[in-house]
């Protein structure tokens, strides 16, 4: 079974004026089987950085544990939190170092630091790409169309949350590997808020 057949998910990231929204639906699939309807694919990494994924849940959880340990070590050694860009480069290096036996997932990292809000995407081997909005997973072809159509610079927090939800809902309607609910992380300089939207 190849990577394309097990990465079922729709995961998005949206930069707004004061922060970043990361979102993903809750269905966990493996090939043609739905193994869970309550999976979590968005994670708080630090007080101002979050991760979102499309791919294998076990690989997501493993990377989050390792990245969290590095973030804590950085804070202890430098006496300040790691920046989003530095964390993105660190995770990119982690993925590249595993290129011969890669994590089967696409990775989004978003955060807010003194440089402002930022968002990055990475593939299996750590190619690091910054952008204002990103879609990943099997539902990405549908979600990216909604994001490209409706995204605008300096969106409000509410507009960004609505756009992330709208793009995931559109993908859920067309992608059988996506569904059952939406988890959103809203990241600002004040911290991270977690929202869950249940779908029928």
N, C-alpha and C. Protein backbone atom coordinates (compact mmCIF):
# COMPACT_ATOMS: atom_id res chain seq x y z
N UNK A 1 0.85 -1.19 0.00
CA UNK A 1 0.00 0.00 0.00
C UNK A 1 0.88 1.24 0.00
N UNK A 2 0.72 2.10 -0.97
CA UNK A 2 1.58 3.27 -1.11
C UNK A 2 1.16 4.43 -0.24
N UNK A 3 2.02 5.44 -0.16
CA UNK A 3 1.77 6.60 0.68
C UNK A 3 0.48 7.29 0.31
N UNK A 4 0.21 7.45 -1.00
CA UNK A 4 -0.98 8.18 -1.43
C UNK A 4 -2.26 7.52 -0.92
N UNK A 5 -2.25 6.21 -0.73
CA UNK A 5 -3.48 5.53 -0.34
C UNK A 5 -3.73 5.56 1.16
N UNK A 6 -2.77 6.01 1.97
CA UNK A 6 -2.99 6.00 3.41
C UNK A 6 -2.95 7.39 4.03
N UNK A 7 -2.82 8.43 3.22
CA UNK A 7 -2.67 9.77 3.79
C UNK A 7 -4.00 10.51 3.92
N UNK A 8 -5.12 9.80 3.84
CA UNK A 8 -6.41 10.45 3.84
C UNK A 8 -6.57 11.49 4.93
N UNK A 9 -6.84 12.73 4.52
CA UNK A 9 -7.03 13.84 5.46
C UNK A 9 -7.24 15.11 4.67
N UNK A 10 -7.79 16.11 5.35
CA UNK A 10 -7.77 17.47 4.83
C UNK A 10 -7.27 18.37 5.96
N UNK A 11 -6.13 18.98 5.75
CA UNK A 11 -5.50 19.84 6.75
C UNK A 11 -5.16 21.16 6.09
N UNK A 12 -5.47 22.28 6.78
CA UNK A 12 -5.23 23.59 6.20
C UNK A 12 -4.56 24.53 7.21
N UNK A 13 -3.92 25.55 6.69
CA UNK A 13 -3.36 26.62 7.50
C UNK A 13 -3.67 27.95 6.85
N UNK A 14 -4.01 28.96 7.65
CA UNK A 14 -4.36 30.29 7.15
C UNK A 14 -3.73 31.35 8.05
N UNK A 15 -2.97 32.26 7.44
CA UNK A 15 -2.41 33.39 8.18
C UNK A 15 -3.41 34.53 8.17
N UNK A 16 -3.66 35.11 9.33
CA UNK A 16 -4.49 36.32 9.39
C UNK A 16 -3.70 37.46 10.00
N UNK A 17 -4.32 38.60 10.20
CA UNK A 17 -3.61 39.81 10.59
C UNK A 17 -2.77 39.62 11.85
N UNK A 18 -3.32 38.94 12.85
CA UNK A 18 -2.64 38.82 14.13
C UNK A 18 -2.24 37.41 14.50
N UNK A 19 -2.38 36.46 13.56
CA UNK A 19 -2.07 35.09 13.94
C UNK A 19 -2.23 34.10 12.82
N UNK A 20 -2.41 32.84 13.22
CA UNK A 20 -2.52 31.72 12.27
C UNK A 20 -3.62 30.78 12.75
N UNK A 21 -4.39 30.26 11.81
CA UNK A 21 -5.36 29.21 12.09
C UNK A 21 -4.86 27.92 11.44
N UNK A 22 -4.77 26.86 12.22
CA UNK A 22 -4.48 25.52 11.70
C UNK A 22 -5.73 24.68 11.90
N UNK A 23 -6.10 23.92 10.88
CA UNK A 23 -7.31 23.11 11.01
C UNK A 23 -7.20 21.79 10.29
N UNK A 24 -7.94 20.80 10.81
CA UNK A 24 -8.02 19.50 10.14
C UNK A 24 -9.31 18.82 10.53
N UNK A 25 -9.77 17.94 9.65
CA UNK A 25 -10.94 17.14 10.00
C UNK A 25 -10.51 15.96 10.87
N UNK A 26 -11.49 15.19 11.36
CA UNK A 26 -11.22 14.22 12.43
C UNK A 26 -11.18 12.76 11.98
N UNK A 27 -11.51 12.48 10.71
CA UNK A 27 -11.58 11.08 10.27
C UNK A 27 -10.17 10.51 10.12
N UNK A 28 -9.99 9.30 10.65
CA UNK A 28 -8.72 8.59 10.50
C UNK A 28 -8.97 7.39 9.60
N UNK A 29 -8.32 7.36 8.45
CA UNK A 29 -8.53 6.26 7.51
C UNK A 29 -7.22 5.56 7.21
N UNK A 30 -7.37 4.30 6.85
CA UNK A 30 -6.21 3.54 6.39
C UNK A 30 -6.67 2.78 5.15
N UNK A 31 -6.23 3.24 3.99
CA UNK A 31 -6.75 2.68 2.75
C UNK A 31 -8.23 2.95 2.65
N UNK A 32 -9.03 1.88 2.54
CA UNK A 32 -10.49 2.04 2.40
C UNK A 32 -11.22 1.94 3.74
N UNK A 33 -10.48 1.81 4.80
CA UNK A 33 -11.11 1.61 6.12
C UNK A 33 -11.06 2.88 6.96
N UNK A 34 -12.19 3.24 7.58
CA UNK A 34 -12.24 4.33 8.55
C UNK A 34 -11.96 3.71 9.91
N UNK A 35 -10.80 4.01 10.47
CA UNK A 35 -10.42 3.38 11.73
C UNK A 35 -10.83 4.20 12.95
N UNK A 36 -11.13 5.50 12.74
CA UNK A 36 -11.62 6.33 13.85
C UNK A 36 -12.34 7.55 13.29
N UNK A 37 -13.33 8.01 14.04
CA UNK A 37 -14.06 9.22 13.66
C UNK A 37 -13.76 10.37 14.61
N UNK A 38 -12.76 10.19 15.47
CA UNK A 38 -12.44 11.22 16.47
C UNK A 38 -10.94 11.46 16.58
N UNK A 39 -10.23 11.30 15.48
CA UNK A 39 -8.79 11.52 15.50
C UNK A 39 -8.43 12.98 15.64
N UNK A 40 -7.21 13.23 16.07
CA UNK A 40 -6.73 14.60 16.22
C UNK A 40 -5.47 14.77 15.39
N UNK A 41 -5.48 15.79 14.52
CA UNK A 41 -4.35 16.02 13.61
C UNK A 41 -3.75 17.41 13.77
N UNK A 42 -4.24 18.17 14.75
CA UNK A 42 -3.66 19.49 15.08
C UNK A 42 -3.18 19.44 16.53
N UNK A 43 -2.00 20.01 16.78
CA UNK A 43 -1.37 19.88 18.09
C UNK A 43 -0.73 21.20 18.52
N UNK A 44 -0.89 21.54 19.78
CA UNK A 44 -0.17 22.66 20.38
C UNK A 44 1.24 22.19 20.69
N UNK A 45 2.25 22.92 20.18
CA UNK A 45 3.64 22.54 20.42
C UNK A 45 4.26 23.39 21.53
N UNK A 46 4.09 24.71 21.44
CA UNK A 46 4.49 25.63 22.50
C UNK A 46 3.32 26.58 22.74
N UNK A 47 3.53 27.61 23.55
CA UNK A 47 2.44 28.55 23.82
C UNK A 47 2.02 29.33 22.58
N UNK A 48 2.91 29.40 21.56
CA UNK A 48 2.60 30.21 20.38
C UNK A 48 2.92 29.51 19.06
N UNK A 49 3.11 28.20 19.09
CA UNK A 49 3.39 27.43 17.88
C UNK A 49 2.53 26.18 17.86
N UNK A 50 1.94 25.89 16.69
CA UNK A 50 1.14 24.68 16.54
C UNK A 50 1.57 23.88 15.32
N UNK A 51 1.22 22.61 15.32
CA UNK A 51 1.50 21.72 14.20
C UNK A 51 0.20 21.11 13.72
N UNK A 52 0.11 20.88 12.41
CA UNK A 52 -1.03 20.18 11.83
C UNK A 52 -0.50 19.22 10.76
N UNK A 53 -1.19 18.09 10.59
CA UNK A 53 -0.66 17.04 9.73
C UNK A 53 -1.75 16.42 8.86
N UNK A 54 -1.29 15.76 7.79
CA UNK A 54 -2.10 14.83 7.02
C UNK A 54 -1.24 13.59 6.85
N UNK A 55 -1.74 12.44 7.32
CA UNK A 55 -0.95 11.22 7.21
C UNK A 55 -1.24 10.26 8.34
N UNK A 56 -0.22 9.50 8.72
CA UNK A 56 -0.38 8.49 9.77
C UNK A 56 -0.35 9.13 11.16
N UNK A 57 -1.35 8.82 11.96
CA UNK A 57 -1.47 9.39 13.30
C UNK A 57 -0.26 9.04 14.16
N UNK A 58 0.20 7.81 14.09
CA UNK A 58 1.34 7.40 14.92
C UNK A 58 2.58 8.22 14.60
N UNK A 59 2.80 8.50 13.32
CA UNK A 59 3.95 9.32 12.93
C UNK A 59 3.79 10.75 13.42
N UNK A 60 2.56 11.28 13.36
CA UNK A 60 2.30 12.63 13.87
C UNK A 60 2.66 12.71 15.35
N UNK A 61 2.16 11.75 16.12
CA UNK A 61 2.37 11.76 17.57
C UNK A 61 3.85 11.63 17.92
N UNK A 62 4.57 10.81 17.17
CA UNK A 62 6.00 10.63 17.41
C UNK A 62 6.76 11.92 17.15
N UNK A 63 6.46 12.59 16.04
CA UNK A 63 7.16 13.83 15.72
C UNK A 63 6.83 14.93 16.72
N UNK A 64 5.57 15.01 17.15
CA UNK A 64 5.17 16.03 18.13
C UNK A 64 5.94 15.84 19.44
N UNK A 65 6.07 14.61 19.89
CA UNK A 65 6.81 14.35 21.13
C UNK A 65 8.27 14.81 21.01
N UNK A 66 8.91 14.46 19.88
CA UNK A 66 10.31 14.81 19.69
C UNK A 66 10.48 16.32 19.54
N UNK A 67 9.62 16.95 18.74
CA UNK A 67 9.72 18.39 18.52
C UNK A 67 9.45 19.16 19.81
N UNK A 68 8.51 18.68 20.62
CA UNK A 68 8.20 19.32 21.89
C UNK A 68 9.41 19.28 22.83
N UNK A 69 10.12 18.16 22.84
CA UNK A 69 11.31 18.03 23.69
C UNK A 69 12.38 19.04 23.25
N UNK A 70 12.58 19.17 21.93
CA UNK A 70 13.56 20.14 21.43
C UNK A 70 13.16 21.58 21.78
N UNK A 71 11.86 21.88 21.68
CA UNK A 71 11.39 23.23 22.00
C UNK A 71 11.63 23.54 23.48
N UNK A 72 11.39 22.56 24.35
CA UNK A 72 11.62 22.75 25.78
C UNK A 72 13.11 22.92 26.09
N UNK A 73 13.96 22.12 25.43
CA UNK A 73 15.40 22.27 25.62
C UNK A 73 15.89 23.64 25.18
N UNK A 74 15.36 24.12 24.06
CA UNK A 74 15.74 25.45 23.56
C UNK A 74 15.39 26.52 24.58
N UNK A 75 14.20 26.43 25.14
CA UNK A 75 13.77 27.44 26.12
C UNK A 75 14.65 27.40 27.37
N UNK A 76 15.02 26.21 27.80
CA UNK A 76 15.88 26.08 28.97
C UNK A 76 17.28 26.64 28.70
N UNK A 77 17.84 26.35 27.52
CA UNK A 77 19.20 26.77 27.20
C UNK A 77 19.29 28.26 26.89
N UNK A 78 18.30 28.79 26.16
CA UNK A 78 18.35 30.18 25.70
C UNK A 78 17.56 31.14 26.57
N UNK A 79 16.74 30.61 27.46
CA UNK A 79 15.88 31.41 28.34
C UNK A 79 14.90 32.27 27.54
N UNK A 80 14.47 31.75 26.40
CA UNK A 80 13.44 32.41 25.59
C UNK A 80 12.80 31.34 24.70
N UNK A 81 11.57 31.57 24.27
CA UNK A 81 10.91 30.57 23.43
C UNK A 81 11.52 30.53 22.03
N UNK A 82 11.47 29.37 21.41
CA UNK A 82 11.97 29.22 20.04
C UNK A 82 11.03 29.94 19.08
N UNK A 83 11.58 30.52 18.01
CA UNK A 83 10.75 31.19 17.01
C UNK A 83 10.11 30.16 16.08
N UNK A 84 9.07 30.59 15.39
CA UNK A 84 8.39 29.69 14.46
C UNK A 84 9.33 29.23 13.35
N UNK A 85 10.11 30.17 12.81
CA UNK A 85 11.03 29.81 11.73
C UNK A 85 12.09 28.82 12.19
N UNK A 86 12.64 29.03 13.38
CA UNK A 86 13.65 28.12 13.90
C UNK A 86 13.06 26.73 14.15
N UNK A 87 11.84 26.69 14.67
CA UNK A 87 11.17 25.41 14.90
C UNK A 87 10.89 24.71 13.59
N UNK A 88 10.48 25.47 12.58
CA UNK A 88 10.22 24.89 11.26
C UNK A 88 11.49 24.31 10.66
N UNK A 89 12.61 25.02 10.79
CA UNK A 89 13.89 24.51 10.27
C UNK A 89 14.32 23.26 11.02
N UNK A 90 14.10 23.24 12.32
CA UNK A 90 14.46 22.08 13.12
C UNK A 90 13.66 20.85 12.69
N UNK A 91 12.34 21.01 12.53
CA UNK A 91 11.50 19.89 12.10
C UNK A 91 11.86 19.47 10.68
N UNK A 92 12.15 20.44 9.82
CA UNK A 92 12.60 20.12 8.46
C UNK A 92 13.84 19.24 8.49
N UNK A 93 14.78 19.57 9.35
CA UNK A 93 16.01 18.76 9.48
C UNK A 93 15.68 17.37 10.03
N UNK A 94 14.76 17.30 10.98
CA UNK A 94 14.35 16.00 11.53
C UNK A 94 13.77 15.12 10.43
N UNK A 95 12.92 15.70 9.58
CA UNK A 95 12.31 14.93 8.50
C UNK A 95 13.36 14.51 7.47
N UNK A 96 14.28 15.41 7.15
CA UNK A 96 15.32 15.07 6.18
C UNK A 96 16.21 13.95 6.69
N UNK A 97 16.52 13.96 7.97
CA UNK A 97 17.36 12.92 8.55
C UNK A 97 16.70 11.54 8.52
N UNK A 98 15.37 11.54 8.37
CA UNK A 98 14.62 10.27 8.29
C UNK A 98 14.23 9.94 6.86
N UNK A 99 14.88 10.57 5.88
CA UNK A 99 14.44 10.44 4.49
C UNK A 99 14.46 9.01 3.95
N UNK A 100 15.31 8.14 4.49
CA UNK A 100 15.36 6.76 4.02
C UNK A 100 14.21 5.92 4.59
N UNK A 101 13.74 6.29 5.77
CA UNK A 101 12.55 5.67 6.38
C UNK A 101 11.67 6.81 6.87
N UNK A 102 10.98 7.49 5.96
CA UNK A 102 10.30 8.74 6.32
C UNK A 102 9.02 8.55 7.13
N UNK A 103 8.68 9.61 7.87
CA UNK A 103 7.34 9.69 8.45
C UNK A 103 6.36 9.83 7.28
N UNK A 104 5.26 9.09 7.31
CA UNK A 104 4.29 9.13 6.22
C UNK A 104 3.24 10.20 6.51
N UNK A 105 3.63 11.45 6.28
CA UNK A 105 2.72 12.56 6.56
C UNK A 105 3.24 13.84 5.92
N UNK A 106 2.33 14.77 5.74
CA UNK A 106 2.67 16.14 5.37
C UNK A 106 2.51 16.97 6.63
N UNK A 107 3.38 17.96 6.80
CA UNK A 107 3.43 18.73 8.04
C UNK A 107 3.21 20.21 7.79
N UNK A 108 2.36 20.83 8.61
CA UNK A 108 2.18 22.28 8.62
C UNK A 108 2.59 22.79 9.99
N UNK A 109 3.31 23.90 10.01
CA UNK A 109 3.67 24.54 11.28
C UNK A 109 3.30 26.02 11.18
N UNK A 110 2.60 26.50 12.20
CA UNK A 110 2.22 27.90 12.24
C UNK A 110 2.47 28.46 13.61
N UNK A 111 2.78 29.74 13.67
CA UNK A 111 3.03 30.34 14.97
C UNK A 111 3.14 31.84 14.90
N UNK A 112 3.25 32.44 16.07
CA UNK A 112 3.38 33.89 16.21
C UNK A 112 4.55 34.16 17.14
N UNK A 113 5.46 35.04 16.72
CA UNK A 113 6.61 35.42 17.53
C UNK A 113 6.88 36.91 17.28
N UNK A 114 7.98 37.47 17.78
CA UNK A 114 8.23 38.90 17.56
C UNK A 114 8.27 39.32 16.08
N UNK A 115 8.49 38.38 15.18
CA UNK A 115 8.48 38.69 13.74
C UNK A 115 7.06 38.71 13.18
N UNK A 116 6.08 38.30 13.97
CA UNK A 116 4.70 38.25 13.49
C UNK A 116 4.25 36.83 13.22
N UNK A 117 3.07 36.67 12.60
CA UNK A 117 2.56 35.33 12.30
C UNK A 117 3.26 34.74 11.07
N UNK A 118 3.47 33.42 11.08
CA UNK A 118 4.06 32.75 9.91
C UNK A 118 3.56 31.32 9.83
N UNK A 119 3.62 30.79 8.60
CA UNK A 119 3.08 29.47 8.30
C UNK A 119 4.00 28.79 7.30
N UNK A 120 4.30 27.50 7.55
CA UNK A 120 5.20 26.74 6.67
C UNK A 120 4.60 25.36 6.42
N UNK A 121 4.91 24.80 5.24
CA UNK A 121 4.55 23.42 4.95
C UNK A 121 5.80 22.62 4.66
N UNK A 122 5.73 21.31 4.96
CA UNK A 122 6.84 20.40 4.71
C UNK A 122 6.30 19.09 4.15
N UNK A 123 7.06 18.51 3.20
CA UNK A 123 6.70 17.20 2.69
C UNK A 123 7.40 16.12 3.51
N UNK A 124 7.39 14.89 3.02
CA UNK A 124 7.95 13.76 3.77
C UNK A 124 9.42 13.95 4.12
N UNK A 125 10.18 14.60 3.23
CA UNK A 125 11.62 14.73 3.45
C UNK A 125 12.04 16.13 3.89
N UNK A 126 11.06 16.96 4.30
CA UNK A 126 11.39 18.22 4.95
C UNK A 126 11.54 19.43 4.07
N UNK A 127 11.11 19.38 2.81
CA UNK A 127 11.13 20.59 1.99
C UNK A 127 10.31 21.67 2.67
N UNK A 128 10.91 22.81 2.93
CA UNK A 128 10.29 23.84 3.77
C UNK A 128 9.81 25.00 2.91
N UNK A 129 8.49 25.25 2.93
CA UNK A 129 7.89 26.27 2.07
C UNK A 129 7.00 27.20 2.90
N UNK A 130 7.33 28.50 2.96
CA UNK A 130 6.45 29.44 3.67
C UNK A 130 5.30 29.88 2.76
N UNK A 131 4.15 30.15 3.34
CA UNK A 131 3.02 30.63 2.54
C UNK A 131 2.00 31.28 3.46
N UNK A 132 1.03 31.99 2.85
CA UNK A 132 -0.03 32.62 3.62
C UNK A 132 -1.20 31.67 3.86
N UNK A 133 -1.37 30.70 2.98
CA UNK A 133 -2.39 29.66 3.18
C UNK A 133 -1.91 28.38 2.53
N UNK A 134 -2.26 27.25 3.15
CA UNK A 134 -1.75 25.95 2.72
C UNK A 134 -2.84 24.91 2.91
N UNK A 135 -2.90 23.93 2.01
CA UNK A 135 -3.76 22.77 2.18
C UNK A 135 -2.92 21.51 1.95
N UNK A 136 -3.20 20.47 2.73
CA UNK A 136 -2.46 19.22 2.61
C UNK A 136 -3.41 18.05 2.75
N UNK A 137 -2.98 16.89 2.25
CA UNK A 137 -3.77 15.67 2.39
C UNK A 137 -4.58 15.37 1.15
N UNK A 138 -5.37 14.30 1.25
CA UNK A 138 -6.14 13.84 0.09
C UNK A 138 -7.24 14.82 -0.30
N UNK A 139 -7.70 15.65 0.64
CA UNK A 139 -8.73 16.65 0.33
C UNK A 139 -8.16 17.99 -0.11
N UNK A 140 -6.82 18.10 -0.22
CA UNK A 140 -6.18 19.37 -0.55
C UNK A 140 -6.61 19.96 -1.89
N UNK A 141 -6.80 19.16 -2.95
CA UNK A 141 -7.19 19.75 -4.23
C UNK A 141 -8.50 20.55 -4.16
N UNK A 142 -9.43 20.09 -3.32
CA UNK A 142 -10.69 20.83 -3.15
C UNK A 142 -10.48 22.03 -2.22
N UNK A 143 -9.81 21.80 -1.09
CA UNK A 143 -9.63 22.85 -0.09
C UNK A 143 -8.83 24.03 -0.64
N UNK A 144 -7.80 23.75 -1.44
CA UNK A 144 -6.95 24.84 -1.95
C UNK A 144 -7.73 25.76 -2.89
N UNK A 145 -8.70 25.20 -3.60
CA UNK A 145 -9.53 26.04 -4.48
C UNK A 145 -10.33 27.06 -3.69
N UNK A 146 -10.87 26.64 -2.55
CA UNK A 146 -11.63 27.56 -1.68
C UNK A 146 -10.70 28.60 -1.08
N UNK A 147 -9.53 28.17 -0.62
CA UNK A 147 -8.57 29.10 -0.02
C UNK A 147 -8.11 30.15 -1.03
N UNK A 148 -7.77 29.71 -2.23
CA UNK A 148 -7.31 30.65 -3.26
C UNK A 148 -8.40 31.64 -3.64
N UNK A 149 -9.63 31.17 -3.66
CA UNK A 149 -10.75 32.04 -4.05
C UNK A 149 -11.06 33.10 -3.01
N UNK A 150 -10.99 32.74 -1.72
CA UNK A 150 -11.50 33.62 -0.67
C UNK A 150 -10.44 34.27 0.21
N UNK A 151 -9.18 33.84 0.10
CA UNK A 151 -8.16 34.40 0.99
C UNK A 151 -7.83 35.84 0.61
N UNK A 152 -7.62 36.67 1.65
CA UNK A 152 -7.13 38.03 1.42
C UNK A 152 -6.18 38.40 2.55
N UNK A 153 -5.26 39.29 2.26
CA UNK A 153 -4.29 39.73 3.25
C UNK A 153 -4.99 40.44 4.41
N UNK A 154 -4.38 40.33 5.59
CA UNK A 154 -4.88 41.02 6.78
C UNK A 154 -6.32 40.67 7.13
N UNK A 155 -6.67 39.39 6.95
CA UNK A 155 -8.00 38.94 7.38
C UNK A 155 -8.11 39.06 8.90
N UNK A 156 -9.33 39.17 9.37
CA UNK A 156 -9.56 39.14 10.81
C UNK A 156 -9.50 37.70 11.30
N UNK A 157 -9.41 37.55 12.59
CA UNK A 157 -9.42 36.22 13.20
C UNK A 157 -10.67 35.44 12.81
N UNK A 158 -11.82 36.09 12.88
CA UNK A 158 -13.08 35.41 12.58
C UNK A 158 -13.14 35.01 11.11
N UNK A 159 -12.67 35.89 10.22
CA UNK A 159 -12.66 35.57 8.79
C UNK A 159 -11.76 34.37 8.49
N UNK A 160 -10.60 34.33 9.15
CA UNK A 160 -9.67 33.22 8.94
C UNK A 160 -10.25 31.91 9.44
N UNK A 161 -10.90 31.94 10.59
CA UNK A 161 -11.53 30.74 11.13
C UNK A 161 -12.64 30.25 10.20
N UNK A 162 -13.44 31.18 9.70
CA UNK A 162 -14.53 30.82 8.78
C UNK A 162 -13.98 30.24 7.49
N UNK A 163 -12.88 30.81 6.98
CA UNK A 163 -12.29 30.32 5.74
C UNK A 163 -11.70 28.92 5.92
N UNK A 164 -11.01 28.70 7.03
CA UNK A 164 -10.46 27.37 7.30
C UNK A 164 -11.59 26.35 7.38
N UNK A 165 -12.65 26.68 8.10
CA UNK A 165 -13.79 25.76 8.22
C UNK A 165 -14.45 25.52 6.86
N UNK A 166 -14.64 26.59 6.09
CA UNK A 166 -15.29 26.48 4.78
C UNK A 166 -14.49 25.58 3.85
N UNK A 167 -13.16 25.74 3.85
CA UNK A 167 -12.32 24.95 2.94
C UNK A 167 -12.33 23.47 3.34
N UNK A 168 -12.33 23.19 4.64
CA UNK A 168 -12.37 21.79 5.09
C UNK A 168 -13.74 21.18 4.81
N UNK A 169 -14.81 21.95 5.03
CA UNK A 169 -16.15 21.46 4.74
C UNK A 169 -16.29 21.10 3.25
N UNK A 170 -15.73 21.94 2.38
CA UNK A 170 -15.80 21.67 0.94
C UNK A 170 -15.08 20.37 0.60
N UNK A 171 -13.93 20.15 1.23
CA UNK A 171 -13.18 18.92 0.97
C UNK A 171 -13.91 17.70 1.52
N UNK A 172 -14.49 17.84 2.71
CA UNK A 172 -15.23 16.73 3.32
C UNK A 172 -16.38 16.28 2.41
N UNK A 173 -16.99 17.24 1.71
CA UNK A 173 -18.12 16.92 0.83
C UNK A 173 -17.68 16.08 -0.38
N UNK A 174 -16.39 16.13 -0.73
CA UNK A 174 -15.92 15.44 -1.94
C UNK A 174 -14.89 14.35 -1.69
N UNK A 175 -14.24 14.36 -0.53
CA UNK A 175 -13.17 13.41 -0.24
C UNK A 175 -13.65 12.40 0.80
N UNK A 176 -13.74 11.12 0.42
CA UNK A 176 -14.29 10.11 1.33
C UNK A 176 -13.37 9.84 2.51
N UNK A 177 -12.09 10.21 2.42
CA UNK A 177 -11.15 9.98 3.52
C UNK A 177 -11.19 11.09 4.56
N UNK A 178 -12.02 12.11 4.35
CA UNK A 178 -12.11 13.24 5.27
C UNK A 178 -13.53 13.34 5.83
N UNK A 179 -13.63 13.75 7.11
CA UNK A 179 -14.97 13.94 7.66
C UNK A 179 -15.04 13.86 9.17
N UNK A 180 -16.31 13.85 9.67
CA UNK A 180 -16.67 13.61 11.07
C UNK A 180 -16.47 14.76 12.03
N UNK A 181 -15.80 15.82 11.65
CA UNK A 181 -15.62 16.96 12.54
C UNK A 181 -14.40 17.75 12.14
N UNK A 182 -14.24 18.92 12.73
CA UNK A 182 -13.12 19.81 12.41
C UNK A 182 -12.51 20.31 13.71
N UNK A 183 -11.19 20.19 13.81
CA UNK A 183 -10.44 20.79 14.91
C UNK A 183 -9.69 22.00 14.39
N UNK A 184 -9.81 23.13 15.10
CA UNK A 184 -9.10 24.35 14.74
C UNK A 184 -8.22 24.80 15.90
N UNK A 185 -6.98 25.17 15.60
CA UNK A 185 -6.10 25.86 16.55
C UNK A 185 -5.98 27.30 16.08
N UNK A 186 -6.30 28.23 16.97
CA UNK A 186 -6.15 29.65 16.65
C UNK A 186 -4.98 30.18 17.46
N UNK A 187 -3.92 30.59 16.76
CA UNK A 187 -2.67 30.96 17.41
C UNK A 187 -2.46 32.47 17.29
N UNK A 188 -2.30 33.14 18.43
CA UNK A 188 -1.97 34.57 18.47
C UNK A 188 -0.86 34.78 19.48
N UNK A 189 -0.43 36.02 19.63
CA UNK A 189 0.62 36.31 20.63
C UNK A 189 0.12 36.06 22.04
N UNK A 190 -1.20 35.99 22.23
CA UNK A 190 -1.77 35.74 23.55
C UNK A 190 -1.85 34.26 23.89
N UNK A 191 -1.57 33.40 22.91
CA UNK A 191 -1.62 31.96 23.17
C UNK A 191 -2.38 31.22 22.09
N UNK A 192 -2.81 30.01 22.43
CA UNK A 192 -3.50 29.13 21.47
C UNK A 192 -4.87 28.75 22.01
N UNK A 193 -5.87 28.91 21.15
CA UNK A 193 -7.23 28.48 21.49
C UNK A 193 -7.59 27.29 20.62
N UNK A 194 -8.30 26.36 21.21
CA UNK A 194 -8.69 25.12 20.56
C UNK A 194 -10.20 25.12 20.34
N UNK A 195 -10.62 24.84 19.12
CA UNK A 195 -12.06 24.80 18.80
C UNK A 195 -12.37 23.49 18.07
N UNK A 196 -13.50 22.89 18.38
CA UNK A 196 -13.95 21.69 17.68
C UNK A 196 -15.35 21.92 17.14
N UNK A 197 -15.53 21.58 15.87
CA UNK A 197 -16.82 21.72 15.19
C UNK A 197 -17.25 20.32 14.77
N UNK A 198 -18.36 19.85 15.26
CA UNK A 198 -18.85 18.52 14.88
C UNK A 198 -19.61 18.61 13.55
N UNK A 199 -19.42 17.59 12.73
CA UNK A 199 -20.12 17.51 11.45
C UNK A 199 -21.07 16.31 11.49
N UNK A 200 -22.17 16.39 10.73
CA UNK A 200 -23.11 15.27 10.71
C UNK A 200 -22.50 14.04 10.06
